[in-house]
C-alpha atoms as a PDB file:
ATOM      1  CA  MET A   1    -126.533 -92.038 -36.018  1.00  0.00           C
ATOM      2  CA  PRO A   2    -125.409 -88.676 -38.139  1.00  0.00           C
ATOM      3  CA  ASP A   3    -121.844 -90.144 -38.732  1.00  0.00           C
ATOM      4  CA  GLN A   4    -123.336 -93.410 -40.253  1.00  0.00           C
ATOM      5  CA  GLY A   5    -125.466 -91.082 -42.493  1.00  0.00           C
ATOM      6  CA  ALA A   6    -122.611 -88.945 -43.680  1.00  0.00           C
ATOM      7  CA  ALA A   7    -120.511 -91.922 -44.575  1.00  0.00           C
ATOM      8  CA  PHE A   8    -123.462 -93.447 -46.242  1.00  0.00           C
ATOM      9  CA  ALA A   9    -123.627 -90.148 -48.396  1.00  0.00           C
ATOM     10  CA  ALA A  10    -120.094 -89.992 -49.108  1.00  0.00           C
ATOM     11  CA  ARG A  11    -119.856 -93.531 -50.260  1.00  0.00           C
ATOM     12  CA  LEU A  12    -123.012 -93.209 -52.499  1.00  0.00           C
ATOM     13  CA  GLU A  13    -121.438 -90.160 -53.998  1.00  0.00           C
ATOM     14  CA  LYS A  14    -118.475 -91.919 -54.897  1.00  0.00           C
ATOM     15  CA  ALA A  15    -120.280 -94.598 -56.180  1.00  0.00           C
ATOM     16  CA  VAL A  16    -122.039 -92.334 -58.642  1.00  0.00           C
ATOM     17  CA  GLN A  17    -119.213 -90.840 -59.685  1.00  0.00           C
ATOM     18  CA  ALA A  18    -117.431 -93.223 -60.311  1.00  0.00           C
ATOM     19  CA  SER A  19    -120.226 -95.226 -62.510  1.00  0.00           C
ATOM     20  CA  GLU A  20    -120.456 -91.961 -64.438  1.00  0.00           C
ATOM     21  CA  GLN A  21    -116.837 -91.879 -65.477  1.00  0.00           C
ATOM     22  CA  ALA A  22    -116.511 -95.831 -66.438  1.00  0.00           C
ATOM     23  CA  GLY A  23    -116.147 -96.444 -70.088  1.00  0.00           C
ATOM     24  CA  THR A  24    -116.936 -99.600 -72.291  1.00  0.00           C
ATOM     25  CA  SER A  25    -113.384-101.672 -71.966  1.00  0.00           C
ATOM     26  CA  PRO A  26    -113.204-104.743 -70.164  1.00  0.00           C
ATOM     27  CA  ALA A  27    -111.312-102.971 -67.442  1.00  0.00           C
ATOM     28  CA  ALA A  28    -114.450-100.234 -67.666  1.00  0.00           C
ATOM     29  CA  ALA A  29    -116.671-103.099 -67.149  1.00  0.00           C
ATOM     30  CA  SER A  30    -114.910-104.789 -64.272  1.00  0.00           C
ATOM     31  CA  ALA A  31    -114.705-101.424 -62.540  1.00  0.00           C
ATOM     32  CA  LYS A  32    -118.666-101.013 -63.250  1.00  0.00           C
ATOM     33  CA  ARG A  33    -119.355-104.183 -61.451  1.00  0.00           C
ATOM     34  CA  SER A  34    -117.214-103.589 -58.544  1.00  0.00           C
ATOM     35  CA  GLU A  35    -119.160-100.021 -58.296  1.00  0.00           C
ATOM     36  CA  ASP A  36    -122.220-102.052 -58.591  1.00  0.00           C
ATOM     37  CA  ALA A  37    -121.364-104.187 -55.660  1.00  0.00           C
ATOM     38  CA  LYS A  38    -120.380-101.101 -53.857  1.00  0.00           C
ATOM     39  CA  LEU A  39    -123.640 -99.275 -54.520  1.00  0.00           C
ATOM     40  CA  LYS A  40    -125.541-102.470 -53.244  1.00  0.00           C
ATOM     41  CA  ALA A  41    -123.486-102.686 -49.945  1.00  0.00           C
ATOM     42  CA  ALA A  42    -124.119 -98.957 -49.461  1.00  0.00           C
ATOM     43  CA  CYS A  43    -128.045 -99.472 -49.922  1.00  0.00           C
ATOM     44  CA  GLN A  44    -127.642-102.564 -47.694  1.00  0.00           C
ATOM     45  CA  GLU A  45    -126.288-100.221 -45.089  1.00  0.00           C
ATOM     46  CA  MET A  46    -128.846 -97.448 -45.585  1.00  0.00           C
ATOM     47  CA  GLU A  47    -131.483-100.171 -44.744  1.00  0.00           C
ATOM     48  CA  ALA A  48    -129.449-101.069 -41.649  1.00  0.00           C
ATOM     49  CA  VAL A  49    -129.694 -97.568 -40.293  1.00  0.00           C
ATOM     50  CA  PHE A  50    -133.046 -97.109 -40.995  1.00  0.00           C
ATOM     51  CA  LEU A  51    -134.056-100.622 -39.547  1.00  0.00           C
ATOM     52  CA  ASN A  52    -132.032 -99.684 -36.638  1.00  0.00           C
ATOM     53  CA  MET A  53    -133.739 -96.247 -36.025  1.00  0.00           C
ATOM     54  CA  MET A  54    -136.808 -97.624 -36.432  1.00  0.00           C
ATOM     55  CA  LEU A  55    -136.109-100.731 -33.788  1.00  0.00           C
ATOM     56  CA  SER A  56    -134.638 -97.993 -31.485  1.00  0.00           C
ATOM     57  CA  ARG A  57    -137.817 -95.883 -31.543  1.00  0.00           C
ATOM     58  CA  MET A  58    -140.212 -98.865 -31.217  1.00  0.00           C
ATOM     59  CA  ARG A  59    -138.008 -99.703 -27.931  1.00  0.00           C
ATOM     60  CA  ALA A  60    -138.273 -96.400 -26.815  1.00  0.00           C
ATOM     61  CA  SER A  61    -142.260 -96.892 -26.742  1.00  0.00           C
ATOM     62  CA  VAL A  62    -142.025 -99.814 -24.504  1.00  0.00           C
ATOM     63  CA  PRO A  63    -142.163 -99.075 -20.733  1.00  0.00           C
ATOM     64  CA  LYS A  64    -139.003 -99.977 -18.710  1.00  0.00           C
ATOM     65  CA  THR A  65    -139.073-102.263 -15.912  1.00  0.00           C
ATOM     66  CA  LYS A  66    -136.858-102.822 -13.277  1.00  0.00           C
ATOM     67  CA  LEU A  67    -137.178-106.660 -13.160  1.00  0.00           C
ATOM     68  CA  MET A  68    -133.746-107.313 -13.489  1.00  0.00           C
ATOM     69  CA  GLY A  69    -132.188-104.753 -11.628  1.00  0.00           C
ATOM     70  CA  ASP A  70    -131.045-101.301 -12.964  1.00  0.00           C
ATOM     71  CA  THR A  71    -127.834-102.208 -14.835  1.00  0.00           C
ATOM     72  CA  SER A  72    -125.618 -98.990 -16.413  1.00  0.00           C
ATOM     73  CA  GLY A  73    -124.602-101.153 -19.149  1.00  0.00           C
ATOM     74  CA  GLU A  74    -127.625-102.716 -20.234  1.00  0.00           C
ATOM     75  CA  GLU A  75    -128.933 -99.677 -22.491  1.00  0.00           C
ATOM     76  CA  THR A  76    -125.267 -99.842 -24.268  1.00  0.00           C
ATOM     77  CA  MET A  77    -125.382-103.568 -25.108  1.00  0.00           C
ATOM     78  CA  GLN A  78    -129.018-103.283 -26.113  1.00  0.00           C
ATOM     79  CA  SER A  79    -127.792-100.658 -28.423  1.00  0.00           C
ATOM     80  CA  LEU A  80    -124.701-102.940 -29.618  1.00  0.00           C
ATOM     81  CA  LEU A  81    -127.273-105.913 -30.216  1.00  0.00           C
ATOM     82  CA  ASP A  82    -129.821-103.733 -32.132  1.00  0.00           C
ATOM     83  CA  THR A  83    -127.353-102.732 -34.325  1.00  0.00           C
ATOM     84  CA  GLU A  84    -125.625-106.294 -35.329  1.00  0.00           C
ATOM     85  CA  LEU A  85    -129.389-107.030 -35.529  1.00  0.00           C
ATOM     86  CA  THR A  86    -130.190-104.550 -38.187  1.00  0.00           C
ATOM     87  CA  LYS A  87    -127.300-105.241 -40.407  1.00  0.00           C
ATOM     88  CA  ASN A  88    -127.905-109.063 -40.576  1.00  0.00           C
ATOM     89  CA  MET A  89    -131.778-108.029 -41.388  1.00  0.00           C
ATOM     90  CA  ALA A  90    -130.730-106.038 -43.913  1.00  0.00           C
ATOM     91  CA  GLN A  91    -128.086-108.540 -45.403  1.00  0.00           C
ATOM     92  CA  ALA A  92    -131.072-110.992 -45.536  1.00  0.00           C
ATOM     93  CA  GLY A  93    -133.097-108.748 -47.630  1.00  0.00           C
ATOM     94  CA  GLY A  94    -134.786-106.857 -44.919  1.00  0.00           C
ATOM     95  CA  MET A  95    -138.074-105.058 -45.832  1.00  0.00           C
ATOM     96  CA  GLY A  96    -136.669-104.603 -49.369  1.00  0.00           C
ATOM     97  CA  LEU A  97    -135.805-101.068 -48.696  1.00  0.00           C
ATOM     98  CA  ALA A  98    -131.876-101.634 -50.042  1.00  0.00           C
ATOM     99  CA  ASP A  99    -133.434-103.134 -53.476  1.00  0.00           C
ATOM    100  CA  MET A 100    -135.763-100.343 -54.255  1.00  0.00           C
ATOM    101  CA  LEU A 101    -132.903 -97.839 -53.293  1.00  0.00           C
ATOM    102  CA  TYR A 102    -130.168 -99.965 -55.614  1.00  0.00           C
ATOM    103  CA  ARG A 103    -132.626 -99.786 -58.691  1.00  0.00           C
ATOM    104  CA  GLN A 104    -133.836 -96.315 -58.428  1.00  0.00           C
ATOM    105  CA  LEU A 105    -130.278 -95.117 -57.711  1.00  0.00           C
ATOM    106  CA  SER A 106    -128.668 -97.761 -60.750  1.00  0.00           C
ATOM    107  CA  LYS A 107    -131.282 -96.261 -62.989  1.00  0.00           C
ATOM    108  CA  SER A 108    -130.222 -92.530 -62.282  1.00  0.00           C
ATOM    109  CA  THR A 109    -126.748 -93.584 -63.136  1.00  0.00           C
ATOM    110  CA  VAL A 110    -127.212 -94.982 -65.983  1.00  0.00           C
ATOM    111  CA  LYS A 111    -129.035 -92.126 -67.550  1.00  0.00           C
ATOM    112  CA  GLY A 112    -126.610 -89.810 -65.979  1.00  0.00           C
ATOM    113  CA  GLN A 113    -123.774 -91.870 -68.178  1.00  0.00           C
ATOM    114  CA  ALA A 114    -126.465 -91.491 -71.573  1.00  0.00           C
ATOM    115  CA  ARG A 115    -126.212 -87.785 -71.288  1.00  0.00           C
END
């Protein structure tokens, strides 16, 4: 999980820097749209990471049973399933965290450009 957080922070910083450097020309407007899309994607990824952490903590609180036997790969497969599930949840709107992050970060980048 720390690698995902660091990657998100790096992508977010690049998006903020690029949006600060964008001008008002048509090419700059196109770049701004591209950076907005990148910012939205980064916010969705952040929501997916948050949902994954929440889901894994919820699973940890449920007692484990040996009904199906003790398989060594079960935890790995469950982790992979949870990762994909939370990515899909975030893309489908999730709990709105990505939208809130995007709105907040877009405002801060617009204010940063006005200075």
